[in-house]
Amino acid sequence: MANVYHLNLNRKMIQGARIALLPGNPARSSTIAEHISTTYGRGFKRLAAKREFSTFLTDAGKAKILVTSTGIGGPSASIAVDELAQIGVTTFIRVGTTGAIQDYINIGDCIITTGSVRLDGASTHYAPIEYPAVAHHEVVTALIEGAKKSKTRYHVGITASSDTFYPGEERKDAFRKYILRRFRGATLEWKMLHVLNYEMESSTILTLTASMGLKGGCITGVVNRGGIGKITKGSLVKGEWAAIKTAVAALEWLV
């Protein structure tokens, strides 16, 4: 049985897993797998590691769960979703970090994305820009229940999903201080349109899953203030852990 090229996986290896949690950071894959193992009292094992894609197989009691890192941004995330779909995965949940846009959102809160502003390019190779990047209602509901169960402060709404970390999020700490006209004032505009946060993968993942008839969702932990805030070691730990514990708790409503 041939493996898919980038992930180096096949149907036999994933043992019928239909749900995949998708962190960006490869190092976060093992952390999530270990937390699932601890929560459900089952083991986990590494299946493959190639480029930015690190995959673990875990067990949530009623179902096998995959944890596969996507790397940063839409192009690599699209590869992960497409190849996982090829071998039988049907539900995809991004588990990542984010910068808040709204003032009432704090470090360590979670954002549960219902839909994404498509500021990426990869998703346009799967559906025209008029097609909405929307999360599946069952995944959104499960993530809300997971946040309640894990006692995590959460917000539900729209995410701005950018191809770039610096200009696309109107950051002032880039090497080049000049910001293209199209991005000047963007953060205020998204804020006034009630967008909650910036991140870099949800529009791709949600467009792919919706357009393919699959289930997609996104849970991110807040680690900084979008556009201006520094990411500290402490804020990163708080945001990552909030997203991880919420996503793992949500599995109860998905398996």
Protein backbone atom coordinates (compact mmCIF):
# COMPACT_ATOMS: atom_id res chain seq x y z
CA MET A 1 0.00 0.00 0.00
CA ALA A 2 1.56 3.25 -1.17
CA ASN A 3 2.00 6.16 1.21
CA VAL A 4 0.78 9.67 0.40
CA TYR A 5 3.85 11.65 -0.59
CA HIS A 6 4.28 14.42 1.96
CA LEU A 7 2.77 12.91 5.11
CA ASN A 8 4.28 9.46 4.48
CA LEU A 9 1.07 7.75 5.69
CA ASN A 10 -1.42 5.24 4.33
CA ARG A 11 -4.86 3.90 5.29
CA LYS A 12 -3.50 0.86 7.10
CA MET A 13 -1.22 2.94 9.29
CA ILE A 14 -3.99 5.20 10.63
CA GLN A 15 -6.14 2.22 11.73
CA GLY A 16 -9.48 3.73 10.76
CA ALA A 17 -8.93 7.15 12.32
CA ARG A 18 -11.43 9.66 10.95
CA ILE A 19 -10.61 12.69 13.11
CA ALA A 20 -7.39 14.71 12.87
CA LEU A 21 -6.22 17.48 15.17
CA LEU A 22 -3.97 19.86 13.26
CA PRO A 23 -1.42 21.96 15.17
CA GLY A 24 0.90 24.14 13.14
CA ASN A 25 4.03 23.43 15.17
CA PRO A 26 5.42 19.87 14.75
CA ALA A 27 6.56 19.90 18.39
CA ARG A 28 2.96 20.46 19.47
CA SER A 29 1.87 17.18 17.87
CA SER A 30 3.50 15.09 20.59
CA THR A 31 2.14 17.37 23.34
CA ILE A 32 -1.42 16.94 22.07
CA ALA A 33 -1.01 13.19 21.59
CA GLU A 34 0.32 12.83 25.12
CA HIS A 35 -2.60 14.84 26.54
CA ILE A 36 -5.11 12.63 24.70
CA SER A 37 -3.31 9.59 26.07
CA THR A 38 -3.41 10.95 29.61
CA THR A 39 -7.07 11.96 29.33
CA TYR A 40 -8.31 8.62 28.00
CA GLY A 41 -5.77 6.31 29.59
CA ARG A 42 -4.61 4.92 26.26
CA GLY A 43 -1.29 4.90 24.49
CA PHE A 44 -0.01 6.85 21.51
CA LYS A 45 2.68 6.35 18.92
CA ARG A 46 4.50 8.32 16.29
CA LEU A 47 3.59 7.28 12.77
CA ALA A 48 5.68 9.55 10.58
CA ALA A 49 7.77 12.70 10.47
CA LYS A 50 8.63 14.36 7.17
CA ARG A 51 9.38 18.03 6.61
CA GLU A 52 6.89 20.06 8.71
CA PHE A 53 4.47 17.14 9.01
CA SER A 54 4.67 15.16 12.25
CA THR A 55 1.91 12.60 12.87
CA PHE A 56 0.91 10.65 15.96
CA LEU A 57 -1.84 8.03 16.34
CA THR A 58 -3.79 8.23 19.59
CA ASP A 59 -6.86 6.57 21.09
CA ALA A 60 -9.87 8.36 22.59
CA GLY A 61 -11.57 5.15 23.67
CA LYS A 62 -14.36 5.06 21.11
CA ALA A 63 -12.15 6.06 18.18
CA LYS A 64 -8.59 6.45 16.97
CA ILE A 65 -7.42 10.07 16.64
CA LEU A 66 -4.64 11.45 14.47
CA VAL A 67 -2.53 14.46 15.40
CA THR A 68 -0.75 15.91 12.35
CA SER A 69 1.19 19.17 12.24
CA THR A 70 0.65 21.40 9.21
CA GLY A 71 3.55 23.81 9.44
CA ILE A 72 2.95 27.54 8.97
CA GLY A 73 0.46 28.93 6.48
CA GLY A 74 -2.05 27.82 3.89
CA PRO A 75 0.05 25.95 1.30
CA SER A 76 1.41 23.36 3.72
CA ALA A 77 -1.94 23.14 5.55
CA SER A 78 -3.67 22.38 2.24
CA ILE A 79 -1.27 19.48 1.64
CA ALA A 80 -1.98 18.04 5.08
CA VAL A 81 -5.76 18.23 4.66
CA ASP A 82 -5.76 16.91 1.10
CA GLU A 83 -3.50 13.94 1.86
CA LEU A 84 -5.31 13.05 5.10
CA ALA A 85 -8.61 13.13 3.19
CA GLN A 86 -7.10 10.79 0.60
CA ILE A 87 -6.50 8.14 3.28
CA GLY A 88 -9.91 8.44 4.95
CA VAL A 89 -9.93 11.31 7.45
CA THR A 90 -13.25 13.20 7.47
CA THR A 91 -13.01 15.68 10.39
CA PHE A 92 -10.23 18.26 10.70
CA ILE A 93 -9.66 20.62 13.63
CA ARG A 94 -6.92 23.21 13.64
CA VAL A 95 -5.41 23.57 17.14
CA GLY A 96 -3.20 26.62 17.16
CA THR A 97 -2.30 30.05 18.51
CA THR A 98 -3.59 33.47 17.60
CA GLY A 99 -3.40 37.23 18.09
CA ALA A 100 -6.56 38.91 19.39
CA ILE A 101 -8.00 41.96 17.65
CA GLN A 102 -10.83 42.83 20.05
CA ASP A 103 -9.89 44.56 23.32
CA TYR A 104 -12.10 42.34 25.49
CA ILE A 105 -10.19 39.17 24.51
CA ASN A 106 -7.38 38.26 26.91
CA ILE A 107 -4.16 36.25 26.72
CA GLY A 108 -5.02 32.61 27.42
CA ASP A 109 -8.58 32.87 26.08
CA CYS A 110 -9.68 30.65 23.21
CA ILE A 111 -11.19 31.65 19.88
CA ILE A 112 -13.62 29.18 18.29
CA THR A 113 -13.82 30.16 14.63
CA THR A 114 -17.18 30.03 12.84
CA GLY A 115 -15.81 31.44 9.59
CA SER A 116 -12.65 33.05 8.24
CA VAL A 117 -11.81 36.11 6.20
CA ARG A 118 -9.90 34.61 3.28
CA LEU A 119 -6.67 36.62 3.22
CA ASP A 120 -4.75 33.62 1.90
CA GLY A 121 -3.99 32.34 -1.57
CA ALA A 122 -3.98 28.56 -1.16
CA SER A 123 -7.73 28.30 -0.61
CA THR A 124 -8.42 29.91 -4.00
CA HIS A 125 -6.94 26.82 -5.67
CA TYR A 126 -9.82 24.80 -4.19
CA ALA A 127 -12.75 27.23 -4.39
CA PRO A 128 -13.29 30.75 -5.79
CA ILE A 129 -12.91 33.68 -3.39
CA GLU A 130 -16.69 34.11 -3.23
CA TYR A 131 -16.95 30.69 -1.53
CA PRO A 132 -17.12 31.08 2.28
CA ALA A 133 -14.54 29.56 4.62
CA VAL A 134 -16.97 28.18 7.21
CA ALA A 135 -16.58 25.74 10.09
CA HIS A 136 -18.90 22.74 10.35
CA HIS A 137 -21.64 23.32 12.91
CA GLU A 138 -21.02 19.98 14.65
CA VAL A 139 -17.35 20.84 15.18
CA VAL A 140 -18.19 24.34 16.45
CA THR A 141 -20.69 22.86 18.91
CA ALA A 142 -18.18 20.26 20.12
CA LEU A 143 -15.51 22.93 20.66
CA ILE A 144 -17.93 25.08 22.67
CA GLU A 145 -18.78 22.09 24.85
CA GLY A 146 -15.07 21.31 25.16
CA ALA A 147 -14.37 24.86 26.35
CA LYS A 148 -17.11 24.60 28.95
CA LYS A 149 -15.86 21.22 30.15
CA SER A 150 -12.24 22.40 30.40
CA LYS A 151 -13.36 25.67 32.04
CA THR A 152 -11.63 27.74 29.37
CA ARG A 153 -12.78 31.30 28.65
CA TYR A 154 -13.81 31.33 24.99
CA HIS A 155 -15.17 33.53 22.22
CA VAL A 156 -17.03 32.41 19.09
CA GLY A 157 -16.89 34.28 15.81
CA ILE A 158 -15.00 35.38 12.71
CA THR A 159 -11.22 35.05 12.22
CA ALA A 160 -8.97 36.92 9.78
CA SER A 161 -6.65 34.35 8.21
CA SER A 162 -3.56 35.88 6.59
CA ASP A 163 -0.88 34.43 4.34
CA THR A 164 1.78 36.46 6.14
CA PHE A 165 2.58 37.07 9.79
CA TYR A 166 4.08 40.55 9.39
CA PRO A 167 2.42 42.69 6.66
CA GLY A 168 -0.86 40.73 6.55
CA GLU A 169 -1.37 41.34 10.27
CA GLU A 170 -0.21 44.97 9.97
CA ARG A 171 2.68 44.32 12.36
CA LYS A 172 5.02 47.19 13.12
CA ASP A 173 7.97 44.98 14.18
CA ALA A 174 8.88 43.70 10.69
CA PHE A 175 12.30 44.34 9.12
CA ARG A 176 10.78 46.69 6.58
CA LYS A 177 8.83 49.40 8.38
CA TYR A 178 6.91 50.39 5.27
CA ILE A 179 3.45 48.78 5.12
CA LEU A 180 1.67 48.47 1.79
CA ARG A 181 -1.37 50.71 1.43
CA ARG A 182 -3.75 47.74 1.25
CA PHE A 183 -2.78 46.71 4.81
CA ARG A 184 -2.69 50.15 6.46
CA GLY A 185 -5.63 50.42 8.83
CA ALA A 186 -6.60 46.80 8.21
CA THR A 187 -6.58 45.84 11.88
CA LEU A 188 -8.95 48.66 12.82
CA GLU A 189 -11.21 47.74 9.92
CA TRP A 190 -11.41 44.09 10.96
CA LYS A 191 -12.02 45.22 14.54
CA MET A 192 -14.93 47.42 13.45
CA LEU A 193 -16.33 44.47 11.45
CA HIS A 194 -16.29 42.37 14.65
CA VAL A 195 -13.49 40.07 13.53
CA LEU A 196 -11.97 38.51 16.63
CA ASN A 197 -8.41 37.54 15.74
CA TYR A 198 -5.57 36.98 13.31
CA GLU A 199 -4.03 33.61 12.41
CA MET A 200 -2.66 31.93 9.28
CA GLU A 201 -4.30 28.58 8.46
CA SER A 202 -8.04 28.55 9.18
CA SER A 203 -9.25 30.00 5.87
CA THR A 204 -7.42 27.28 3.95
CA ILE A 205 -8.53 24.43 6.21
CA LEU A 206 -12.17 25.58 6.37
CA THR A 207 -12.45 26.25 2.63
CA LEU A 208 -11.00 22.85 1.77
CA THR A 209 -13.16 20.92 4.21
CA ALA A 210 -16.40 22.71 3.35
CA SER A 211 -15.83 22.45 -0.41
CA MET A 212 -14.93 18.75 -0.15
CA GLY A 213 -17.99 17.85 1.92
CA LEU A 214 -15.85 17.20 5.01
CA LYS A 215 -16.05 18.63 8.54
CA GLY A 216 -13.66 21.38 9.60
CA GLY A 217 -13.11 23.56 12.64
CA CYS A 218 -10.56 25.77 14.35
CA ILE A 219 -9.68 26.43 17.99
CA THR A 220 -6.85 28.84 18.79
CA GLY A 221 -5.36 30.11 22.04
CA VAL A 222 -4.59 33.82 22.35
CA VAL A 223 -0.87 34.52 22.78
CA ASN A 224 -0.64 38.23 21.88
CA ARG A 225 -2.49 41.31 20.72
CA GLY A 226 -2.74 41.10 16.93
CA GLY A 227 -0.64 43.62 15.04
CA ILE A 228 1.25 45.00 18.04
CA GLY A 229 1.77 42.49 20.82
CA LYS A 230 4.96 40.61 21.58
CA ILE A 231 4.69 36.86 22.15
CA THR A 232 6.35 35.93 25.43
CA LYS A 233 7.19 32.47 26.71
CA GLY A 234 4.47 32.79 29.33
CA SER A 235 1.78 33.95 26.94
CA LEU A 236 2.67 31.19 24.49
CA VAL A 237 2.29 28.50 27.15
CA LYS A 238 -1.07 29.92 28.30
CA GLY A 239 -2.46 30.16 24.78
CA GLU A 240 -1.21 26.78 23.60
CA TRP A 241 -2.51 24.96 26.66
CA ALA A 242 -5.93 26.62 26.46
CA ALA A 243 -6.36 25.47 22.85
CA ILE A 244 -5.04 21.96 23.51
CA LYS A 245 -7.18 21.19 26.54
CA THR A 246 -10.29 22.54 24.79
CA ALA A 247 -9.71 20.53 21.63
CA VAL A 248 -9.07 17.31 23.55
CA ALA A 249 -12.14 17.86 25.73
CA ALA A 250 -14.21 18.41 22.56
CA LEU A 251 -13.42 14.90 21.32
CA GLU A 252 -16.11 13.58 23.67
CA TRP A 253 -18.74 15.14 21.37
CA LEU A 254 -17.10 13.99 18.12
CA VAL A 255 -16.14 10.33 18.56
